[in-house]
Protein backbone atom coordinates (compact mmCIF):
# COMPACT_ATOMS: atom_id res chain seq x y z
CA MET A 1 60.60 -90.71 60.46
CA LYS A 2 63.14 -88.03 59.48
CA ASP A 3 66.22 -87.65 61.67
CA THR A 4 65.23 -84.04 62.51
CA GLU A 5 61.73 -85.01 63.73
CA LEU A 6 63.12 -87.89 65.79
CA VAL A 7 65.63 -85.58 67.42
CA LYS A 8 62.92 -83.04 68.21
CA GLN A 9 60.83 -85.71 69.90
CA LYS A 10 63.75 -86.76 72.10
CA ILE A 11 65.07 -83.31 73.07
CA ASP A 12 63.05 -81.09 75.37
CA VAL A 13 63.64 -77.45 74.40
CA VAL A 14 63.29 -76.18 78.05
CA GLU A 15 65.87 -78.68 79.26
CA LEU A 16 68.20 -77.93 76.39
CA VAL A 17 68.06 -74.15 76.73
CA GLY A 18 68.19 -74.56 80.55
CA GLU A 19 71.73 -75.85 80.19
CA TYR A 20 72.79 -72.40 78.99
CA VAL A 21 70.18 -70.08 80.44
CA GLN A 22 68.58 -69.88 83.94
CA LEU A 23 64.87 -70.21 83.16
CA LYS A 24 61.80 -69.62 85.32
CA PRO A 25 58.22 -70.60 84.56
CA SER A 26 56.13 -67.67 83.24
CA GLY A 27 52.60 -68.73 82.34
CA ILE A 28 52.77 -71.26 79.50
CA ASN A 29 56.38 -70.20 78.82
CA HIS A 30 59.72 -70.21 80.55
CA LYS A 31 61.59 -66.90 80.84
CA GLY A 32 65.20 -65.83 81.35
CA LEU A 33 67.97 -63.43 80.34
CA CYS A 34 68.93 -63.69 76.73
CA PRO A 35 72.30 -65.44 76.16
CA PHE A 36 72.80 -63.59 72.90
CA HIS A 37 72.84 -60.00 74.10
CA GLN A 38 73.31 -58.15 77.36
CA GLU A 39 70.07 -57.22 79.20
CA LYS A 40 68.92 -56.48 82.70
CA SER A 41 65.27 -57.47 82.35
CA PRO A 42 64.54 -60.93 80.87
CA SER A 43 63.00 -60.88 77.37
CA PHE A 44 63.96 -64.37 76.40
CA MET A 45 61.05 -66.84 76.18
CA VAL A 46 60.95 -70.64 75.69
CA ASN A 47 57.76 -72.49 74.80
CA ARG A 48 57.74 -76.24 75.50
CA GLU A 49 54.52 -76.94 73.60
CA ARG A 50 55.78 -75.32 70.37
CA GLN A 51 59.35 -76.49 70.99
CA SER A 52 60.47 -72.92 70.21
CA TRP A 53 62.37 -70.01 71.68
CA HIS A 54 62.40 -66.26 71.05
CA CYS A 55 64.02 -63.12 72.42
CA PHE A 56 61.99 -59.93 72.12
CA GLY A 57 65.11 -57.86 72.80
CA CYS A 58 67.35 -59.01 69.89
CA ASN A 59 64.62 -60.71 67.76
CA LYS A 60 66.48 -64.01 67.57
CA GLY A 61 64.40 -67.21 67.78
CA GLY A 62 63.60 -70.57 66.35
CA ASP A 63 63.68 -74.25 67.27
CA ILE A 64 66.23 -76.49 69.06
CA PHE A 65 68.49 -76.63 66.05
CA SER A 66 68.65 -72.89 65.56
CA PHE A 67 69.35 -72.44 69.26
CA VAL A 68 72.34 -74.79 69.20
CA GLN A 69 73.59 -73.31 65.91
CA GLU A 70 73.46 -69.83 67.45
CA ILE A 71 74.93 -70.55 70.88
CA GLU A 72 77.56 -73.04 69.75
CA GLY A 73 78.39 -71.40 66.46
CA LEU A 74 77.56 -74.52 64.41
CA ASP A 75 76.06 -75.04 61.00
CA PHE A 76 72.81 -77.09 60.78
CA VAL A 77 74.42 -80.45 60.11
CA GLU A 78 76.81 -79.96 63.08
CA ALA A 79 73.92 -79.00 65.32
CA LEU A 80 71.92 -82.04 64.14
CA LYS A 81 74.82 -84.37 64.97
CA MET A 82 75.37 -82.81 68.38
CA LEU A 83 71.71 -83.09 69.35
CA ALA A 84 71.41 -86.65 67.93
CA GLN A 85 74.39 -87.70 70.06
CA LYS A 86 72.76 -86.01 73.09
CA ALA A 87 69.53 -87.85 72.44
CA GLY A 88 71.25 -91.19 71.81
CA ILE A 89 69.99 -91.35 68.21
CA GLN A 90 71.96 -92.97 65.35
CA LEU A 91 71.47 -90.69 62.32
CA THR A 92 70.40 -92.44 59.08
CA ASN A 93 72.52 -89.90 57.13
CA THR A 94 76.00 -89.28 58.59
CA PHE A 95 76.76 -86.60 55.92
CA GLU A 96 80.39 -87.68 55.58
CA ASP A 97 82.66 -90.58 54.73
CA LYS A 98 82.39 -93.12 57.56
CA GLU A 99 86.00 -94.29 57.32
CA ALA A 100 87.40 -90.79 57.54
CA SER A 101 84.98 -89.93 60.38
CA SER A 102 86.09 -93.00 62.26
CA GLN A 103 89.75 -92.06 62.11
CA LYS A 104 88.93 -88.48 63.12
CA ASN A 105 87.14 -89.82 66.16
CA ARG A 106 90.09 -92.07 67.02
CA ILE A 107 92.49 -89.14 66.73
CA LYS A 108 90.30 -86.98 68.98
CA ASP A 109 90.26 -89.86 71.48
CA ILE A 110 94.07 -90.20 71.23
CA ASN A 111 94.40 -86.47 71.85
CA ALA A 112 92.11 -86.68 74.92
CA LYS A 113 94.18 -89.59 76.37
CA ALA A 114 97.42 -87.71 75.60
CA THR A 115 96.11 -84.61 77.39
CA ALA A 116 95.25 -86.62 80.51
CA PHE A 117 98.68 -88.33 80.37
CA TYR A 118 100.62 -85.06 80.11
CA HIS A 119 98.47 -83.46 82.85
CA HIS A 120 99.04 -86.45 85.17
CA VAL A 121 102.78 -86.35 84.62
CA LEU A 122 102.93 -82.66 85.45
CA LEU A 123 100.91 -82.92 88.71
CA ASN A 124 102.09 -86.28 90.02
CA THR A 125 105.72 -87.07 89.08
CA ASP A 126 109.12 -86.01 90.41
CA ALA A 127 110.29 -85.52 86.78
CA SER A 128 107.99 -82.45 86.50
CA LYS A 129 109.39 -80.43 89.43
CA ASP A 130 111.23 -77.99 87.13
CA ALA A 131 108.12 -77.59 85.01
CA GLN A 132 105.97 -76.88 88.02
CA ALA A 133 108.51 -74.31 89.20
CA TYR A 134 108.47 -72.68 85.80
CA LEU A 135 104.69 -72.41 85.74
CA GLU A 136 104.68 -71.05 89.27
CA LYS A 137 107.24 -68.43 88.22
CA ARG A 138 104.93 -67.42 85.32
CA GLY A 139 102.24 -66.84 87.95
CA LEU A 140 99.82 -69.69 87.08
CA THR A 141 97.69 -71.01 89.91
CA HIS A 142 96.92 -74.67 90.46
CA GLU A 143 93.25 -73.99 89.51
CA THR A 144 94.36 -72.44 86.18
CA ILE A 145 96.70 -75.38 85.41
CA VAL A 146 93.81 -77.80 85.99
CA ASP A 147 91.31 -75.69 84.09
CA TRP A 148 93.55 -75.51 81.02
CA GLN A 149 94.76 -79.08 81.46
CA ILE A 150 98.45 -77.97 81.11
CA GLY A 151 100.84 -80.90 81.19
CA PHE A 152 104.48 -82.02 80.85
CA ILE A 153 106.41 -84.66 79.08
CA PRO A 154 109.97 -85.63 80.15
CA ASP A 155 112.76 -85.74 77.60
CA GLN A 156 112.40 -89.44 76.74
CA TRP A 157 112.13 -90.88 73.22
CA ASP A 158 108.86 -92.79 73.25
CA LEU A 159 107.15 -92.37 76.64
CA LEU A 160 103.73 -91.27 75.23
CA THR A 161 103.90 -93.59 72.23
CA SER A 162 104.55 -96.60 74.40
CA TYR A 163 101.73 -95.63 76.76
CA LEU A 164 99.16 -95.20 73.96
CA LEU A 165 100.22 -98.42 72.24
CA LYS A 166 99.54 -100.25 75.51
CA LYS A 167 96.09 -98.55 75.61
CA GLY A 168 95.33 -100.37 72.29
CA TYR A 169 95.79 -97.61 69.75
CA SER A 170 97.44 -98.44 66.48
CA ILE A 171 100.81 -96.89 65.51
CA ASP A 172 99.25 -95.70 62.25
CA ASP A 173 96.67 -93.65 64.14
CA LEU A 174 99.33 -92.28 66.51
CA VAL A 175 101.37 -91.09 63.43
CA ALA A 176 98.19 -89.67 61.88
CA SER A 177 97.54 -87.70 65.14
CA GLY A 178 100.94 -85.99 64.86
CA LEU A 179 101.97 -87.19 68.34
CA THR A 180 104.30 -89.88 67.01
CA ILE A 181 106.97 -89.61 64.36
CA LYS A 182 108.14 -92.42 62.18
CA LYS A 183 111.85 -92.94 61.61
CA ASP A 184 113.01 -93.47 58.04
CA GLY A 185 112.58 -97.12 57.05
CA ALA A 186 110.48 -98.00 60.14
CA THR A 187 107.46 -100.32 59.77
CA ALA A 188 104.45 -100.45 62.02
CA GLY A 189 105.07 -103.88 63.59
CA ASN A 190 105.33 -103.43 67.37
CA GLY A 191 106.00 -99.69 67.34
CA LYS A 192 109.79 -99.86 67.18
CA GLY A 193 111.29 -97.10 64.97
CA PHE A 194 108.79 -94.55 66.16
CA TYR A 195 109.30 -91.75 68.71
CA ASP A 196 107.35 -88.91 70.40
CA ARG A 197 107.13 -85.56 68.61
CA PHE A 198 106.99 -83.79 71.99
CA ARG A 199 109.84 -84.42 74.50
CA GLY A 200 111.07 -82.37 77.47
CA ARG A 201 108.22 -79.88 77.05
CA ILE A 202 105.37 -78.17 78.95
CA MET A 203 102.23 -79.11 77.01
CA PHE A 204 99.31 -76.87 76.24
CA PRO A 205 96.24 -78.60 74.67
CA ILE A 206 94.59 -76.86 71.72
CA TRP A 207 90.82 -77.22 71.65
CA ASP A 208 88.43 -76.58 68.77
CA VAL A 209 85.44 -74.37 69.48
CA HIS A 210 83.35 -77.31 70.70
CA GLY A 211 85.94 -78.38 73.32
CA ASN A 212 87.64 -81.29 71.50
CA VAL A 213 91.45 -81.45 71.86
CA VAL A 214 92.68 -81.27 68.23
CA GLY A 215 96.37 -80.57 68.86
CA PHE A 216 99.05 -79.36 71.21
CA THR A 217 101.72 -76.70 71.68
CA GLY A 218 104.87 -77.82 73.46
CA ARG A 219 107.10 -75.27 75.13
CA VAL A 220 110.63 -76.55 75.73
CA LEU A 221 111.74 -76.47 79.35
CA VAL A 222 115.51 -76.46 78.73
CA GLU A 223 116.44 -75.07 75.35
CA THR A 224 119.37 -76.76 73.58
CA GLU A 225 120.73 -76.97 70.02
CA LYS A 226 118.82 -80.25 69.56
CA SER A 227 115.55 -79.16 71.19
CA GLY A 228 114.02 -78.13 67.82
CA GLY A 229 112.93 -74.62 68.84
CA LYS A 230 111.25 -73.04 71.86
CA TYR A 231 107.76 -73.96 70.68
CA VAL A 232 106.67 -77.00 68.69
CA ASN A 233 103.08 -77.42 67.44
CA THR A 234 101.04 -80.39 66.21
CA PRO A 235 101.35 -80.58 62.42
CA GLN A 236 98.35 -80.48 60.07
CA THR A 237 96.12 -83.49 60.68
CA SER A 238 92.60 -84.55 59.80
CA VAL A 239 91.31 -82.80 62.99
CA TYR A 240 93.79 -79.88 63.27
CA ASP A 241 94.14 -77.08 60.81
CA LYS A 242 95.94 -74.12 62.47
CA SER A 243 94.38 -71.66 60.07
CA ARG A 244 90.87 -72.66 61.31
CA VAL A 245 91.47 -72.95 65.07
CA VAL A 246 91.36 -70.07 67.59
CA PHE A 247 93.12 -70.85 70.86
CA GLY A 248 90.84 -70.47 73.89
CA LEU A 249 87.59 -69.91 71.95
CA ASN A 250 85.94 -72.90 73.49
CA LYS A 251 86.33 -71.15 76.85
CA ALA A 252 85.89 -67.57 75.72
CA LYS A 253 82.85 -67.83 73.35
CA GLN A 254 80.11 -67.18 75.84
CA ASP A 255 81.82 -64.09 77.33
CA ILE A 256 82.60 -62.85 73.78
CA ARG A 257 78.95 -63.04 72.97
CA LYS A 258 77.88 -61.39 76.20
CA LYS A 259 80.46 -58.52 75.98
CA ASP A 260 80.16 -58.38 72.20
CA VAL A 261 83.87 -58.04 71.72
CA VAL A 262 86.75 -60.42 70.98
CA VAL A 263 90.05 -59.60 72.66
CA MET A 264 92.75 -60.99 70.39
CA VAL A 265 96.27 -61.45 71.74
CA GLU A 266 99.41 -63.12 70.34
CA GLY A 267 100.40 -65.90 72.75
CA GLN A 268 98.69 -68.78 74.48
CA MET A 269 100.17 -67.72 77.84
CA ASP A 270 98.64 -64.26 77.30
CA VAL A 271 95.26 -65.92 76.83
CA ILE A 272 95.62 -68.01 79.98
CA ALA A 273 96.89 -65.11 82.06
CA CYS A 274 94.00 -62.95 80.98
CA HIS A 275 91.41 -65.62 81.81
CA GLN A 276 93.06 -66.14 85.20
CA ALA A 277 92.79 -62.40 85.88
CA GLY A 278 89.06 -62.52 85.09
CA MET A 279 89.01 -61.31 81.45
CA LYS A 280 87.50 -64.30 79.75
CA ASN A 281 86.69 -63.01 76.26
CA VAL A 282 90.34 -63.39 75.22
CA VAL A 283 91.68 -65.67 72.43
CA ALA A 284 94.74 -66.09 70.25
CA THR A 285 95.59 -67.49 66.87
CA SER A 286 97.49 -70.74 66.94
CA GLY A 287 100.84 -69.70 65.74
CA THR A 288 99.64 -68.01 62.55
CA ALA A 289 98.66 -64.60 61.31
CA LEU A 290 94.92 -64.04 61.57
CA THR A 291 93.21 -65.96 58.72
CA SER A 292 89.96 -65.53 56.89
CA GLU A 293 88.68 -68.82 58.28
CA GLN A 294 89.38 -67.68 61.89
CA ILE A 295 87.55 -64.41 61.23
CA ILE A 296 84.48 -66.27 59.92
CA LEU A 297 84.51 -68.39 63.11
CA LEU A 298 84.90 -65.37 65.43
CA LYS A 299 82.10 -63.43 63.65
CA ARG A 300 79.66 -66.06 64.91
CA TYR A 301 80.12 -64.51 68.33
CA SER A 302 80.93 -60.79 67.71
CA SER A 303 81.81 -58.40 64.92
CA ASN A 304 84.01 -56.39 67.33
CA MET A 305 87.64 -57.16 67.94
CA ASN A 306 90.28 -55.47 70.11
CA MET A 307 93.73 -56.55 69.10
CA ALA A 308 97.04 -56.57 71.04
CA PHE A 309 100.34 -57.28 69.34
CA ASP A 310 104.04 -56.48 69.60
CA ALA A 311 104.57 -52.83 68.83
CA ASP A 312 107.75 -53.36 66.81
CA ASP A 313 107.75 -53.32 62.97
CA ALA A 314 107.78 -57.15 62.82
CA GLY A 315 104.76 -57.45 65.08
CA ILE A 316 102.82 -54.77 63.19
CA HIS A 317 103.60 -56.28 59.81
CA ALA A 318 102.56 -59.75 61.01
CA VAL A 319 99.04 -58.59 61.95
CA ASP A 320 98.44 -55.97 59.25
CA ARG A 321 97.15 -58.42 56.65
CA GLY A 322 94.93 -60.10 59.26
CA ILE A 323 93.39 -56.71 60.16
CA ASP A 324 92.70 -56.11 56.42
CA LEU A 325 90.99 -59.46 56.19
CA ALA A 326 88.87 -58.65 59.24
CA VAL A 327 87.92 -55.15 57.93
CA VAL A 328 86.92 -56.56 54.54
CA GLN A 329 84.57 -58.96 56.28
CA GLY A 330 82.90 -56.16 58.27
CA MET A 331 84.72 -56.53 61.57
CA HIS A 332 85.14 -53.45 63.67
CA ILE A 333 88.76 -53.50 64.83
CA LYS A 334 90.42 -51.61 67.65
CA VAL A 335 94.08 -51.62 68.64
CA ILE A 336 95.13 -52.21 72.23
CA GLU A 337 98.20 -50.23 73.13
CA ILE A 338 100.05 -51.12 76.38
CA PRO A 339 101.67 -47.95 77.84
CA GLU A 340 105.38 -47.85 77.36
CA GLY A 341 107.36 -49.57 80.20
CA LYS A 342 104.30 -51.49 81.45
CA GLY A 343 105.08 -54.77 79.71
CA LYS A 344 105.75 -56.03 76.17
CA ASP A 345 102.69 -58.29 76.20
CA PRO A 346 99.44 -58.78 78.20
CA ASP A 347 101.04 -61.42 80.43
CA GLU A 348 103.80 -59.03 81.56
CA CYS A 349 101.35 -56.14 81.91
CA LEU A 350 99.07 -58.20 84.10
CA LYS A 351 101.95 -59.15 86.39
CA ALA A 352 102.98 -55.46 86.66
CA ASN A 353 99.48 -54.10 87.21
CA PRO A 354 96.20 -55.77 86.07
CA ASP A 355 94.36 -52.38 86.07
CA ILE A 356 96.73 -51.09 83.39
CA TRP A 357 95.88 -53.98 81.08
CA PHE A 358 92.14 -53.73 81.73
CA ASP A 359 92.24 -49.97 81.00
CA ALA A 360 94.26 -50.61 77.82
CA VAL A 361 91.58 -52.99 76.47
CA LYS A 362 88.79 -50.63 77.50
CA ASN A 363 90.42 -47.68 75.83
CA ALA A 364 91.48 -49.45 72.64
CA SER A 365 91.78 -47.12 69.66
CA PRO A 366 89.79 -47.64 66.48
CA VAL A 367 92.18 -49.18 63.93
CA MET A 368 91.90 -46.23 61.50
CA ASN A 369 92.80 -43.75 64.28
CA TRP A 370 95.81 -45.89 64.99
CA ARG A 371 96.71 -46.11 61.32
CA PHE A 372 96.33 -42.35 60.83
CA SER A 373 98.48 -41.67 63.84
CA ARG A 374 101.28 -43.87 62.57
CA ALA A 375 101.04 -42.62 58.96
CA PHE A 376 101.25 -38.91 59.93
CA ALA A 377 103.90 -39.30 62.65
CA GLY A 378 107.01 -37.28 61.82
CA LYS A 379 105.83 -36.34 58.32
CA ASN A 380 106.38 -32.85 56.79
CA LEU A 381 102.98 -31.88 55.40
CA SER A 382 104.47 -28.99 53.41
CA ASP A 383 106.26 -31.52 51.28
CA PRO A 384 103.95 -32.91 48.53
CA ILE A 385 106.01 -36.11 48.24
CA GLU A 386 105.48 -36.77 51.94
CA LYS A 387 101.78 -36.15 51.56
CA GLN A 388 101.56 -38.61 48.72
CA LYS A 389 103.34 -41.21 50.79
CA ILE A 390 100.71 -40.75 53.51
CA VAL A 391 97.88 -41.11 50.96
CA ASP A 392 99.48 -44.19 49.42
CA LYS A 393 99.69 -45.78 52.83
CA LEU A 394 96.14 -45.03 54.04
CA LEU A 395 94.00 -44.99 50.85
CA PRO A 396 94.23 -48.80 50.37
CA LYS A 397 93.13 -49.26 53.95
CA ILE A 398 90.15 -46.91 53.45
CA VAL A 399 89.13 -48.62 50.21
CA ILE A 400 88.55 -51.98 51.91
CA ILE A 401 86.24 -50.69 54.62
CA SER A 402 82.89 -52.48 54.19
CA TYR A 403 80.65 -49.71 55.36
CA ALA A 404 80.04 -46.77 53.02
CA VAL A 405 79.46 -44.11 55.70
CA GLU A 406 82.56 -45.16 57.64
CA ARG A 407 84.59 -45.31 54.44
CA ASP A 408 83.51 -41.82 53.41
CA HIS A 409 84.28 -40.50 56.93
CA TRP A 410 87.89 -41.58 56.73
CA LEU A 411 88.23 -40.37 53.15
CA GLN A 412 87.14 -36.88 54.33
CA GLN A 413 89.48 -37.11 57.31
CA LEU A 414 92.42 -37.92 55.03
CA ALA A 415 91.52 -35.13 52.57
CA SER A 416 91.27 -32.59 55.37
CA ARG A 417 94.54 -33.53 57.01
CA VAL A 418 96.63 -33.55 53.80
CA GLY A 419 94.86 -30.37 52.56
CA VAL A 420 93.21 -31.63 49.33
CA ASP A 421 89.72 -31.84 48.05
CA THR A 422 87.95 -35.20 48.56
CA SER A 423 87.32 -35.39 44.81
CA ILE A 424 91.10 -35.72 44.21
CA LEU A 425 91.25 -38.66 46.63
CA ARG A 426 88.22 -40.26 45.00
CA GLU A 427 90.16 -40.19 41.71
CA ASP A 428 93.10 -41.79 43.54
CA MET A 429 90.78 -44.42 44.98
CA LYS A 430 89.95 -45.57 41.36
CA ARG A 431 93.69 -46.15 40.86
CA VAL A 432 93.83 -48.22 44.02
CA GLU A 433 90.71 -50.20 43.15
CA GLN A 434 92.00 -50.97 39.68
CA LYS A 435 94.96 -52.83 41.12
CA GLY A 436 92.51 -55.67 41.85
CA PRO A 437 91.38 -57.41 45.01
CA HIS A 438 93.37 -56.52 48.14
CA VAL A 439 92.67 -59.62 50.11
CA GLN A 440 91.09 -63.04 49.39
CA VAL A 441 88.24 -63.87 51.74
CA ALA A 442 87.48 -67.52 52.30
CA PRO A 443 83.83 -68.49 51.90
CA SER A 444 81.96 -69.63 54.96
CA SER A 445 81.86 -73.39 55.30
CA SER A 446 78.17 -73.18 56.07
CA ALA A 447 77.34 -71.10 52.95
CA PRO A 448 75.57 -72.81 50.05
CA ALA A 449 77.81 -73.97 47.22
CA LYS A 450 78.27 -71.50 44.43
CA PRO A 451 77.37 -72.39 40.85
CA VAL A 452 80.43 -72.54 38.56
CA ALA A 453 80.23 -69.17 36.86
CA LYS A 454 82.51 -66.24 36.41
CA LYS A 455 80.99 -63.25 38.06
CA THR A 456 82.14 -59.64 37.86
CA PHE A 457 79.02 -58.29 39.53
CA SER A 458 79.37 -57.76 43.30
CA ARG A 459 77.27 -60.03 45.55
CA SER A 460 77.45 -57.67 48.48
CA GLU A 461 74.39 -57.37 50.68
CA GLN A 462 73.53 -53.87 49.44
CA LEU A 463 73.21 -55.23 45.89
CA PHE A 464 71.26 -58.43 46.59
CA GLU A 465 68.06 -56.80 45.60
CA GLN A 466 69.25 -55.67 42.21
CA TYR A 467 71.07 -58.94 41.62
CA LEU A 468 67.87 -60.92 42.43
CA MET A 469 65.83 -58.78 40.05
CA ALA A 470 68.48 -59.15 37.37
CA ILE A 471 68.09 -62.97 37.65
CA LEU A 472 64.27 -62.79 37.63
CA ALA A 473 64.21 -60.49 34.59
CA SER A 474 66.60 -62.78 32.67
CA GLY A 475 65.88 -65.71 30.48
CA ASP A 476 62.37 -66.96 29.92
CA GLY A 477 61.12 -65.90 33.33
CA SER A 478 60.63 -69.39 34.75
CA THR A 479 62.72 -68.41 37.77
CA LEU A 480 59.80 -66.22 38.90
CA GLU A 481 57.91 -69.45 39.82
CA GLN A 482 60.34 -69.87 42.67
CA VAL A 483 59.60 -66.53 44.28
CA GLN A 484 56.34 -67.05 45.97
CA GLU A 485 55.09 -64.22 48.25
CA ASP A 486 53.59 -66.57 50.74
CA ARG A 487 57.13 -68.03 51.31
CA PHE A 488 58.90 -64.65 51.03
CA PRO A 489 56.33 -62.11 52.25
CA GLN A 490 59.10 -59.66 52.99
CA ILE A 491 59.74 -59.29 49.26
CA LYS A 492 57.10 -56.54 49.41
CA GLU A 493 59.65 -54.41 51.34
CA MET A 494 61.92 -54.23 48.28
CA SER A 495 62.20 -50.87 46.53
CA LEU A 496 61.94 -52.85 43.23
CA TYR A 497 58.79 -54.65 44.30
CA PRO A 498 56.70 -52.82 41.62
CA LEU A 499 58.93 -54.25 38.92
CA TYR A 500 58.62 -57.68 40.48
CA GLU A 501 54.81 -57.34 40.39
CA LYS A 502 54.78 -56.39 36.71
CA LEU A 503 57.18 -59.23 35.81
CA LYS A 504 55.04 -61.73 37.74
CA VAL A 505 51.84 -60.53 36.02
CA GLN A 506 53.42 -60.71 32.65
CA TYR A 507 54.86 -64.12 33.09
CA THR A 508 51.59 -65.48 34.66
CA THR A 509 49.67 -64.15 31.70
CA ASP A 510 52.01 -64.99 28.78
CA ARG A 511 54.33 -67.61 30.37
CA SER A 512 57.19 -65.49 28.98
CA LEU A 513 58.83 -62.11 29.57
CA HIS A 514 58.84 -59.02 27.34
CA THR A 515 60.83 -56.53 29.42
CA ASP A 516 60.82 -53.91 26.58
CA ALA A 517 57.10 -53.41 27.24
CA LEU A 518 57.92 -52.47 30.79
CA ARG A 519 60.73 -50.03 30.19
CA GLU A 520 58.55 -46.86 30.27
CA PHE A 521 57.39 -47.67 33.86
CA PHE A 522 60.93 -47.71 35.33
CA VAL A 523 62.77 -44.48 34.50
CA ASN A 524 64.32 -42.76 37.57
CA SER A 525 64.66 -39.05 38.21
CA GLU A 526 68.04 -39.01 36.42
CA GLY A 527 66.57 -40.49 33.25
CA GLU A 528 68.19 -43.86 33.89
CA ASN A 529 66.06 -46.92 33.22
CA ILE A 530 66.41 -49.63 35.89
CA LEU A 531 65.73 -52.36 33.35
CA ASP A 532 68.69 -51.19 31.34
CA VAL A 533 70.82 -51.30 34.52
CA LEU A 534 69.60 -54.78 35.33
CA SER A 535 70.20 -55.96 31.76
CA LEU A 536 73.79 -54.74 31.97
CA LYS A 537 74.36 -56.44 35.28
CA ALA A 538 72.75 -59.66 34.01
CA GLY A 539 74.97 -59.54 30.91
CA LEU A 540 78.11 -59.22 33.07
CA ALA A 541 77.13 -61.76 35.77
CA LEU A 542 74.83 -64.23 34.10
CA SER A 543 75.72 -64.45 30.41
CA ASP A 544 77.55 -67.78 30.73
CA LEU A 545 74.76 -69.49 32.63
CA ASP A 546 72.37 -71.88 30.90
CA ALA A 547 68.75 -72.33 32.04
CA ASN A 548 69.57 -74.92 34.73
CA ALA A 549 72.50 -72.94 36.08
CA LEU A 550 70.36 -69.84 36.12
CA LYS A 551 67.71 -71.61 38.14
CA LYS A 552 70.34 -72.80 40.62
CA GLU A 553 71.73 -69.32 40.90
CA SER A 554 68.29 -67.90 41.69
CA GLU A 555 67.74 -70.56 44.31
CA GLU A 556 71.04 -69.74 45.96
CA THR A 557 70.41 -66.02 45.80
CA LEU A 558 66.93 -66.49 47.35
CA PHE A 559 68.51 -68.58 50.12
CA SER A 560 70.88 -65.69 50.93
CA PHE A 561 68.30 -62.95 50.24
CA HIS A 562 65.76 -64.57 52.49
CA ASP A 563 67.75 -63.70 55.67
CA THR A 564 67.99 -60.03 54.62
CA LEU A 565 64.28 -59.79 53.94
CA ARG A 566 63.45 -61.72 57.11
CA GLN A 567 65.37 -59.25 59.29
CA ILE A 568 63.48 -56.35 57.77
CA ARG A 569 60.16 -58.01 58.69
CA LEU A 570 61.39 -58.96 62.12
CA SER A 571 62.31 -55.35 62.89
CA SER A 572 58.87 -54.22 61.77
CA LEU A 573 57.20 -56.88 63.93
CA GLU A 574 59.23 -55.82 66.93
CA LEU A 575 57.90 -52.25 66.75
CA SER A 576 54.30 -53.57 66.42
CA LEU A 577 54.85 -56.00 69.27
CA ARG A 578 56.07 -53.24 71.62
CA GLN A 579 53.06 -51.08 70.63
CA ALA A 580 50.68 -53.99 71.29
CA GLU A 581 52.42 -54.64 74.64
CA ALA A 582 52.08 -51.01 75.65
CA GLU A 583 48.34 -51.12 74.71
CA LYS A 584 47.95 -54.50 76.53
CA ASP A 585 46.44 -55.92 73.34
CA HIS A 586 47.07 -59.63 74.19
CA ASP A 587 45.37 -60.94 71.12
CA LYS A 588 47.48 -58.82 68.85
CA MET A 589 50.67 -59.82 70.83
CA ASN A 590 49.87 -63.52 70.35
CA GLU A 591 49.26 -62.99 66.67
CA LEU A 592 52.55 -61.12 66.29
CA ILE A 593 54.43 -63.71 68.38
CA GLN A 594 53.14 -66.45 66.07
CA GLU A 595 54.29 -64.59 63.00
CA VAL A 596 57.78 -64.05 64.58
CA GLN A 597 58.05 -67.73 65.43
CA ALA A 598 56.92 -68.67 61.93
CA LEU A 599 59.61 -66.47 60.45
CA ASN A 600 62.28 -67.94 62.67
CA THR A 601 61.39 -71.49 61.86
CA THR A 602 61.12 -71.09 58.08
CA VAL A 603 63.79 -73.03 56.31
């Protein structure tokens, strides 16, 4: 039996969902408030017999795996592993190198033991009195210290290392965890020649999104010339990559999803202070500028982000590239501005007056409003050189906006304020675009692997349809066999569906394609032939692909395109379902629900 089927047999969907959602029996279903969007009336249904779930408010649904993927922000393999562990099942395919996985698990266990050790030292030893006084001065309650497992380590050379060695961990694993440092020339032996990385510091655990401690930040209690800086972080390890970790996300993710906004601050103390004050959708980067990998992670929970950062030039410069990365990936960014004199950061502002901080978050300014305000401040608009400086500063920020309507809005705003025609700025945009890519966006770890091919044709969502048709109209047409309408019924929603039909008929009849014979059918109102356009795009994007690579490319594109088509059909079904519900047509409702569930369980 397949791993997935075995897990499905062992996991009850009602019990699983019930860990996250308060469910009540409702006929053959269980009903509750959707955990994926805010609602007052429950529209979230779970069916034990079908082992499925669906929300009629946001149209999300599927099986146990899709639920865990959605609510925990996991890919399928991660969800399968999590549920298999929950069910006590040993997977036949571990999907990764067993030796590496084994060390990763040992390091996570070491981190967990270190967290408990640090926390115990803080709460129960005389050596931590100054640390306790510092945390009390910073306004942290006992409950917060326990919730965030804050700890302390006295200024001794190998206190933690000795403790963990006695617990049976190897010195090699302690070094691999980043908690222990090896002196030059030292050998493993009994642990001599090794010392603690963190000494004389208040310790803040860093969790990954799933609640595993992957690293630490140590804040020195008494700063000296030999203390090595105010803050020391765990170095890169097999479980900790600071560019991929978002501090506090494990605690904030549910509130981020419910409120549909990430509040991004700079410091870990800012995060903890906000959570203590009741604002629990707050996170921070782990000592880095916002990275593409962190944005991909955050977008699992919301595409909206309100950012707070130091208002000086250094602070602004530090976050500017991160903002660009987020904008390119379709995030809607707002800037939180703390009123002058009310604190330099969220922690200070909360101590002065929590209402001021809450209002600042609520009234955050869209990032382009903020950028316009800064760019125009103190500028002489009668001076053409000053006007060009403004354009040079703002135009690159407008170019990277992912949404055409929003991009055009800001282009018109800029043209109006500097007193030029938008056509002039559009010419200038070409100059900006010709400079090449502005930011590099990391691919999602859960995305399918890309074929090795040099592409100049954009793979943006708006162009999926043309790109798919370019593939289907290329080569000998064998890729058409992969596009079956019973698997992808939404393909009928495509504007180019008539071309698909003719290509399909021609290939079915002749087992080959003769696109020249179809040209006369596909001339638009401007005299442009869509087949010529597709041929050009195919030439640019696909010319270096052989038959096998072309087939792989079509499979990958269909994989991505399927979600786009599926959402179109789900939207249509939602309207039909609401109409059937209004007419109390229960047979029609059941029919539509089954189609929705089928769409949501299609792999």
